[in-house]
Amino acid sequence: MKRLLVVLAGLFTALSFSSCGYNTMVSKDENVKGKWAQVENAYQRRADLIPNLVATVKGAAQHEEGTLTAVVEARAKATSVNVDPSNLSDEAIANFQQTQDALSQSIGRLLVSVEAYPDLKANANFQELQVQLEGTENRISVERKAYNDAVQDYNTTVRSFPNNIMASMFGFKAKGTFKAAEGSDKAPSVSF
């Protein structure tokens, strides 16, 4: 009889853990980490691509060298900041985003200079740079959205009852999301 009670208690415990949401939380946590890796992948693509494209365009854009240099310097800063996937706090993501925003601003100044110098727009290399920059920024935006969606799903799971009890027992904490940069709610002004 005692053995039967131990077997039943073991079976009950196993069934409880399978239905308590632990495995779901692990799965969603891994999904968040995977989405974060894709965000980093998109930023890495940008960091790898831009210097090669800038080097190609530099010869045709000598008078814009200052702007191109700012892009390269911002890229170097952006790649020097890394976020540990196990520490996706709001502060870590904000620091990462700040360096990425500086690169985005440099890229924006580069694109504004295109409008100011129409002869550069006719250059095929410069046009390719524009296309690649726009495509890269779009990829980053898509990956950040996918990450935020995964975080929202994960945070909803770990904060919902009764999962929140199991989450606190096993150390599952809410993750931080990407937030818009300060002032991004206002349209940028372009003047020539």
C-alpha atoms as a PDB file:
ATOM      1  CA  MET A   1       0.000   0.000   0.000  1.00  0.00           C
ATOM      2  CA  LYS A   2       2.825   2.351   0.897  1.00  0.00           C
ATOM      3  CA  ARG A   3       4.484   1.684  -2.467  1.00  0.00           C
ATOM      4  CA  LEU A   4       1.221   2.427  -4.284  1.00  0.00           C
ATOM      5  CA  LEU A   5       0.942   5.778  -2.470  1.00  0.00           C
ATOM      6  CA  VAL A   6       4.514   6.685  -3.442  1.00  0.00           C
ATOM      7  CA  VAL A   7       3.804   5.781  -7.097  1.00  0.00           C
ATOM      8  CA  LEU A   8       0.569   7.789  -7.067  1.00  0.00           C
ATOM      9  CA  ALA A   9       2.323  10.764  -5.442  1.00  0.00           C
ATOM     10  CA  GLY A  10       5.092  10.577  -8.072  1.00  0.00           C
ATOM     11  CA  LEU A  11       2.528  10.365 -10.881  1.00  0.00           C
ATOM     12  CA  PHE A  12       0.575  13.278  -9.412  1.00  0.00           C
ATOM     13  CA  THR A  13       3.761  15.363  -9.123  1.00  0.00           C
ATOM     14  CA  ALA A  14       4.764  14.612 -12.723  1.00  0.00           C
ATOM     15  CA  LEU A  15       1.308  15.506 -14.009  1.00  0.00           C
ATOM     16  CA  SER A  16       1.254  18.664 -11.885  1.00  0.00           C
ATOM     17  CA  PHE A  17       4.547  19.886 -13.346  1.00  0.00           C
ATOM     18  CA  SER A  18       3.442  19.156 -16.884  1.00  0.00           C
ATOM     19  CA  SER A  19       0.243  21.137 -16.399  1.00  0.00           C
ATOM     20  CA  CYS A  20       1.671  23.906 -14.204  1.00  0.00           C
ATOM     21  CA  GLY A  21       3.043  25.813 -17.160  1.00  0.00           C
ATOM     22  CA  TYR A  22       6.717  25.265 -16.422  1.00  0.00           C
ATOM     23  CA  ASN A  23       7.427  23.730 -19.821  1.00  0.00           C
ATOM     24  CA  THR A  24       5.409  26.459 -21.511  1.00  0.00           C
ATOM     25  CA  MET A  25       7.429  29.130 -19.727  1.00  0.00           C
ATOM     26  CA  VAL A  26      10.694  27.442 -20.720  1.00  0.00           C
ATOM     27  CA  SER A  27       9.524  27.269 -24.325  1.00  0.00           C
ATOM     28  CA  LYS A  28       8.483  30.913 -24.370  1.00  0.00           C
ATOM     29  CA  ASP A  29      11.712  31.982 -22.662  1.00  0.00           C
ATOM     30  CA  GLU A  30      13.710  30.176 -25.343  1.00  0.00           C
ATOM     31  CA  ASN A  31      11.547  31.813 -28.012  1.00  0.00           C
ATOM     32  CA  VAL A  32      12.367  35.254 -26.563  1.00  0.00           C
ATOM     33  CA  LYS A  33      16.076  34.404 -26.570  1.00  0.00           C
ATOM     34  CA  GLY A  34      15.810  33.226 -30.181  1.00  0.00           C
ATOM     35  CA  LYS A  35      14.042  36.415 -31.220  1.00  0.00           C
ATOM     36  CA  TRP A  36      16.721  38.450 -29.448  1.00  0.00           C
ATOM     37  CA  ALA A  37      19.367  36.543 -31.375  1.00  0.00           C
ATOM     38  CA  GLN A  38      17.585  37.547 -34.592  1.00  0.00           C
ATOM     39  CA  VAL A  39      17.606  41.198 -33.499  1.00  0.00           C
ATOM     40  CA  GLU A  40      21.340  40.948 -32.919  1.00  0.00           C
ATOM     41  CA  ASN A  41      21.685  39.172 -36.263  1.00  0.00           C
ATOM     42  CA  ALA A  42      19.970  42.061 -38.067  1.00  0.00           C
ATOM     43  CA  TYR A  43      22.191  44.594 -36.308  1.00  0.00           C
ATOM     44  CA  GLN A  44      25.256  42.494 -37.126  1.00  0.00           C
ATOM     45  CA  ARG A  45      24.201  42.386 -40.778  1.00  0.00           C
ATOM     46  CA  ARG A  46      24.034  46.159 -40.736  1.00  0.00           C
ATOM     47  CA  ALA A  47      27.415  46.410 -39.017  1.00  0.00           C
ATOM     48  CA  ASP A  48      29.002  44.078 -41.584  1.00  0.00           C
ATOM     49  CA  LEU A  49      27.297  45.522 -44.643  1.00  0.00           C
ATOM     50  CA  ILE A  50      27.659  49.259 -44.107  1.00  0.00           C
ATOM     51  CA  PRO A  51      31.476  49.494 -44.075  1.00  0.00           C
ATOM     52  CA  ASN A  52      31.745  47.582 -47.342  1.00  0.00           C
ATOM     53  CA  LEU A  53      29.108  49.699 -49.034  1.00  0.00           C
ATOM     54  CA  VAL A  54      30.544  52.912 -47.627  1.00  0.00           C
ATOM     55  CA  ALA A  55      33.992  51.971 -48.931  1.00  0.00           C
ATOM     56  CA  THR A  56      32.497  51.474 -52.393  1.00  0.00           C
ATOM     57  CA  VAL A  57      30.735  54.829 -52.336  1.00  0.00           C
ATOM     58  CA  LYS A  58      33.528  56.821 -50.697  1.00  0.00           C
ATOM     59  CA  GLY A  59      35.350  57.437 -53.958  1.00  0.00           C
ATOM     60  CA  ALA A  60      32.253  59.022 -55.531  1.00  0.00           C
ATOM     61  CA  ALA A  61      31.365  61.044 -52.447  1.00  0.00           C
ATOM     62  CA  GLN A  62      34.593  62.748 -51.363  1.00  0.00           C
ATOM     63  CA  HIS A  63      32.859  65.932 -50.240  1.00  0.00           C
ATOM     64  CA  GLU A  64      30.588  63.887 -47.943  1.00  0.00           C
ATOM     65  CA  GLU A  65      33.433  62.108 -46.188  1.00  0.00           C
ATOM     66  CA  GLY A  66      32.552  63.641 -42.813  1.00  0.00           C
ATOM     67  CA  THR A  67      29.084  62.136 -42.885  1.00  0.00           C
ATOM     68  CA  LEU A  68      30.374  58.749 -44.011  1.00  0.00           C
ATOM     69  CA  THR A  69      32.991  58.817 -41.254  1.00  0.00           C
ATOM     70  CA  ALA A  70      30.261  59.525 -38.698  1.00  0.00           C
ATOM     71  CA  VAL A  71      28.377  56.451 -39.926  1.00  0.00           C
ATOM     72  CA  VAL A  72      31.471  54.273 -39.588  1.00  0.00           C
ATOM     73  CA  GLU A  73      32.219  55.638 -36.098  1.00  0.00           C
ATOM     74  CA  ALA A  74      28.614  55.156 -34.993  1.00  0.00           C
ATOM     75  CA  ARG A  75      28.742  51.613 -36.376  1.00  0.00           C
ATOM     76  CA  ALA A  76      31.884  50.910 -34.353  1.00  0.00           C
ATOM     77  CA  LYS A  77      30.163  52.140 -31.187  1.00  0.00           C
ATOM     78  CA  ALA A  78      27.013  50.167 -31.985  1.00  0.00           C
ATOM     79  CA  THR A  79      28.932  46.920 -32.359  1.00  0.00           C
ATOM     80  CA  SER A  80      30.832  47.466 -29.106  1.00  0.00           C
ATOM     81  CA  VAL A  81      27.671  47.203 -26.983  1.00  0.00           C
ATOM     82  CA  ASN A  82      26.377  43.676 -26.432  1.00  0.00           C
ATOM     83  CA  VAL A  83      23.412  42.472 -24.405  1.00  0.00           C
ATOM     84  CA  ASP A  84      23.516  39.161 -22.587  1.00  0.00           C
ATOM     85  CA  PRO A  85      20.361  37.199 -23.552  1.00  0.00           C
ATOM     86  CA  SER A  86      20.000  36.042 -19.940  1.00  0.00           C
ATOM     87  CA  ASN A  87      19.789  39.702 -18.810  1.00  0.00           C
ATOM     88  CA  LEU A  88      17.210  41.314 -21.083  1.00  0.00           C
ATOM     89  CA  SER A  89      16.364  44.076 -18.628  1.00  0.00           C
ATOM     90  CA  ASP A  90      14.926  47.414 -19.663  1.00  0.00           C
ATOM     91  CA  GLU A  91      18.250  49.106 -18.817  1.00  0.00           C
ATOM     92  CA  ALA A  92      20.354  46.707 -20.900  1.00  0.00           C
ATOM     93  CA  ILE A  93      18.041  47.054 -23.881  1.00  0.00           C
ATOM     94  CA  ALA A  94      17.911  50.855 -23.474  1.00  0.00           C
ATOM     95  CA  ASN A  95      21.731  51.046 -23.496  1.00  0.00           C
ATOM     96  CA  PHE A  96      21.880  48.802 -26.571  1.00  0.00           C
ATOM     97  CA  GLN A  97      19.157  50.836 -28.273  1.00  0.00           C
ATOM     98  CA  GLN A  98      20.928  54.140 -27.504  1.00  0.00           C
ATOM     99  CA  THR A  99      24.022  53.094 -29.452  1.00  0.00           C
ATOM    100  CA  GLN A 100      21.879  51.738 -32.279  1.00  0.00           C
ATOM    101  CA  ASP A 101      19.916  55.018 -32.379  1.00  0.00           C
ATOM    102  CA  ALA A 102      23.182  56.943 -32.789  1.00  0.00           C
ATOM    103  CA  LEU A 103      23.967  54.801 -35.826  1.00  0.00           C
ATOM    104  CA  SER A 104      20.456  55.331 -37.183  1.00  0.00           C
ATOM    105  CA  GLN A 105      20.878  59.107 -36.808  1.00  0.00           C
ATOM    106  CA  SER A 106      24.178  58.999 -38.691  1.00  0.00           C
ATOM    107  CA  ILE A 107      22.529  56.993 -41.438  1.00  0.00           C
ATOM    108  CA  GLY A 108      19.718  59.554 -41.523  1.00  0.00           C
ATOM    109  CA  ARG A 109      22.208  62.391 -42.001  1.00  0.00           C
ATOM    110  CA  LEU A 110      23.821  60.407 -44.801  1.00  0.00           C
ATOM    111  CA  LEU A 111      20.476  59.963 -46.532  1.00  0.00           C
ATOM    112  CA  VAL A 112      19.643  63.689 -46.129  1.00  0.00           C
ATOM    113  CA  SER A 113      22.929  64.555 -47.829  1.00  0.00           C
ATOM    114  CA  VAL A 114      21.715  62.572 -50.833  1.00  0.00           C
ATOM    115  CA  GLU A 115      18.809  64.954 -51.199  1.00  0.00           C
ATOM    116  CA  ALA A 116      21.119  67.943 -50.924  1.00  0.00           C
ATOM    117  CA  TYR A 117      23.436  66.672 -53.672  1.00  0.00           C
ATOM    118  CA  PRO A 118      21.359  65.314 -56.570  1.00  0.00           C
ATOM    119  CA  ASP A 119      24.475  64.373 -58.529  1.00  0.00           C
ATOM    120  CA  LEU A 120      25.179  61.714 -55.908  1.00  0.00           C
ATOM    121  CA  LYS A 121      21.715  60.242 -56.426  1.00  0.00           C
ATOM    122  CA  ALA A 122      22.625  59.481 -60.025  1.00  0.00           C
ATOM    123  CA  ASN A 123      25.586  57.422 -58.921  1.00  0.00           C
ATOM    124  CA  ALA A 124      24.699  53.724 -59.067  1.00  0.00           C
ATOM    125  CA  ASN A 125      26.864  52.879 -56.075  1.00  0.00           C
ATOM    126  CA  PHE A 126      25.176  55.489 -53.940  1.00  0.00           C
ATOM    127  CA  GLN A 127      21.757  54.277 -55.011  1.00  0.00           C
ATOM    128  CA  GLU A 128      22.709  50.739 -54.041  1.00  0.00           C
ATOM    129  CA  LEU A 129      23.885  52.022 -50.664  1.00  0.00           C
ATOM    130  CA  GLN A 130      20.519  53.705 -50.146  1.00  0.00           C
ATOM    131  CA  VAL A 131      18.625  50.541 -51.067  1.00  0.00           C
ATOM    132  CA  GLN A 132      20.755  48.408 -48.764  1.00  0.00           C
ATOM    133  CA  LEU A 133      20.469  50.854 -45.865  1.00  0.00           C
ATOM    134  CA  GLU A 134      16.716  51.056 -46.208  1.00  0.00           C
ATOM    135  CA  GLY A 135      16.400  47.278 -46.480  1.00  0.00           C
ATOM    136  CA  THR A 136      18.637  46.771 -43.468  1.00  0.00           C
ATOM    137  CA  GLU A 137      16.694  49.248 -41.352  1.00  0.00           C
ATOM    138  CA  ASN A 138      13.450  47.501 -42.374  1.00  0.00           C
ATOM    139  CA  ARG A 139      14.888  44.111 -41.359  1.00  0.00           C
ATOM    140  CA  ILE A 140      15.894  45.504 -37.984  1.00  0.00           C
ATOM    141  CA  SER A 141      12.411  46.916 -37.488  1.00  0.00           C
ATOM    142  CA  VAL A 142      10.819  43.560 -38.343  1.00  0.00           C
ATOM    143  CA  GLU A 143      13.121  41.673 -35.963  1.00  0.00           C
ATOM    144  CA  ARG A 144      12.509  44.152 -33.128  1.00  0.00           C
ATOM    145  CA  LYS A 145       8.762  43.759 -33.607  1.00  0.00           C
ATOM    146  CA  ALA A 146       9.060  39.954 -33.555  1.00  0.00           C
ATOM    147  CA  TYR A 147      11.122  40.219 -30.360  1.00  0.00           C
ATOM    148  CA  ASN A 148       8.580  42.541 -28.713  1.00  0.00           C
ATOM    149  CA  ASP A 149       5.753  40.157 -29.714  1.00  0.00           C
ATOM    150  CA  ALA A 150       7.620  37.201 -28.195  1.00  0.00           C
ATOM    151  CA  VAL A 151       8.318  39.190 -24.999  1.00  0.00           C
ATOM    152  CA  GLN A 152       4.668  40.179 -24.740  1.00  0.00           C
ATOM    153  CA  ASP A 153       3.595  36.533 -25.071  1.00  0.00           C
ATOM    154  CA  TYR A 154       6.214  35.411 -22.526  1.00  0.00           C
ATOM    155  CA  ASN A 155       5.423  38.194 -20.036  1.00  0.00           C
ATOM    156  CA  THR A 156       1.697  37.455 -20.296  1.00  0.00           C
ATOM    157  CA  THR A 157       2.387  33.809 -19.484  1.00  0.00           C
ATOM    158  CA  VAL A 158       4.686  34.396 -16.500  1.00  0.00           C
ATOM    159  CA  ARG A 159       2.445  37.084 -15.023  1.00  0.00           C
ATOM    160  CA  SER A 160      -0.863  35.176 -15.425  1.00  0.00           C
ATOM    161  CA  PHE A 161      -2.325  33.131 -12.593  1.00  0.00           C
ATOM    162  CA  PRO A 162      -1.422  30.340 -11.748  1.00  0.00           C
ATOM    163  CA  ASN A 163       1.709  30.497 -13.900  1.00  0.00           C
ATOM    164  CA  ASN A 164       2.965  33.464 -11.866  1.00  0.00           C
ATOM    165  CA  ILE A 165       3.309  31.197  -8.841  1.00  0.00           C
ATOM    166  CA  MET A 166       5.404  28.673 -10.746  1.00  0.00           C
ATOM    167  CA  ALA A 167       7.327  31.461 -12.489  1.00  0.00           C
ATOM    168  CA  SER A 168       8.385  32.980  -9.177  1.00  0.00           C
ATOM    169  CA  MET A 169       9.332  29.545  -7.830  1.00  0.00           C
ATOM    170  CA  PHE A 170      11.578  28.831 -10.820  1.00  0.00           C
ATOM    171  CA  GLY A 171      12.956  32.340 -11.385  1.00  0.00           C
ATOM    172  CA  PHE A 172      11.099  33.306 -14.575  1.00  0.00           C
ATOM    173  CA  LYS A 173      10.975  37.108 -14.670  1.00  0.00           C
ATOM    174  CA  ALA A 174       9.372  39.556 -17.078  1.00  0.00           C
ATOM    175  CA  LYS A 175      11.660  40.624 -19.949  1.00  0.00           C
ATOM    176  CA  GLY A 176      12.215  44.143 -21.310  1.00  0.00           C
ATOM    177  CA  THR A 177      11.030  45.332 -24.711  1.00  0.00           C
ATOM    178  CA  PHE A 178      12.308  47.814 -27.260  1.00  0.00           C
ATOM    179  CA  LYS A 179      10.848  51.258 -26.772  1.00  0.00           C
ATOM    180  CA  ALA A 180      10.783  54.175 -29.164  1.00  0.00           C
ATOM    181  CA  ALA A 181      13.673  56.601 -28.883  1.00  0.00           C
ATOM    182  CA  GLU A 182      13.051  59.931 -27.187  1.00  0.00           C
ATOM    183  CA  GLY A 183      11.440  62.352 -29.640  1.00  0.00           C
ATOM    184  CA  SER A 184      10.635  59.735 -32.267  1.00  0.00           C
ATOM    185  CA  ASP A 185       6.957  60.657 -32.003  1.00  0.00           C
ATOM    186  CA  LYS A 186       7.754  63.891 -33.868  1.00  0.00           C
ATOM    187  CA  ALA A 187       8.453  63.907 -37.586  1.00  0.00           C
ATOM    188  CA  PRO A 188      12.069  64.785 -38.404  1.00  0.00           C
ATOM    189  CA  SER A 189      12.604  68.083 -40.171  1.00  0.00           C
ATOM    190  CA  VAL A 190      14.566  68.050 -43.395  1.00  0.00           C
ATOM    191  CA  SER A 191      15.942  71.354 -44.622  1.00  0.00           C
ATOM    192  CA  PHE A 192      18.210  72.148 -47.501  1.00  0.00           C
END
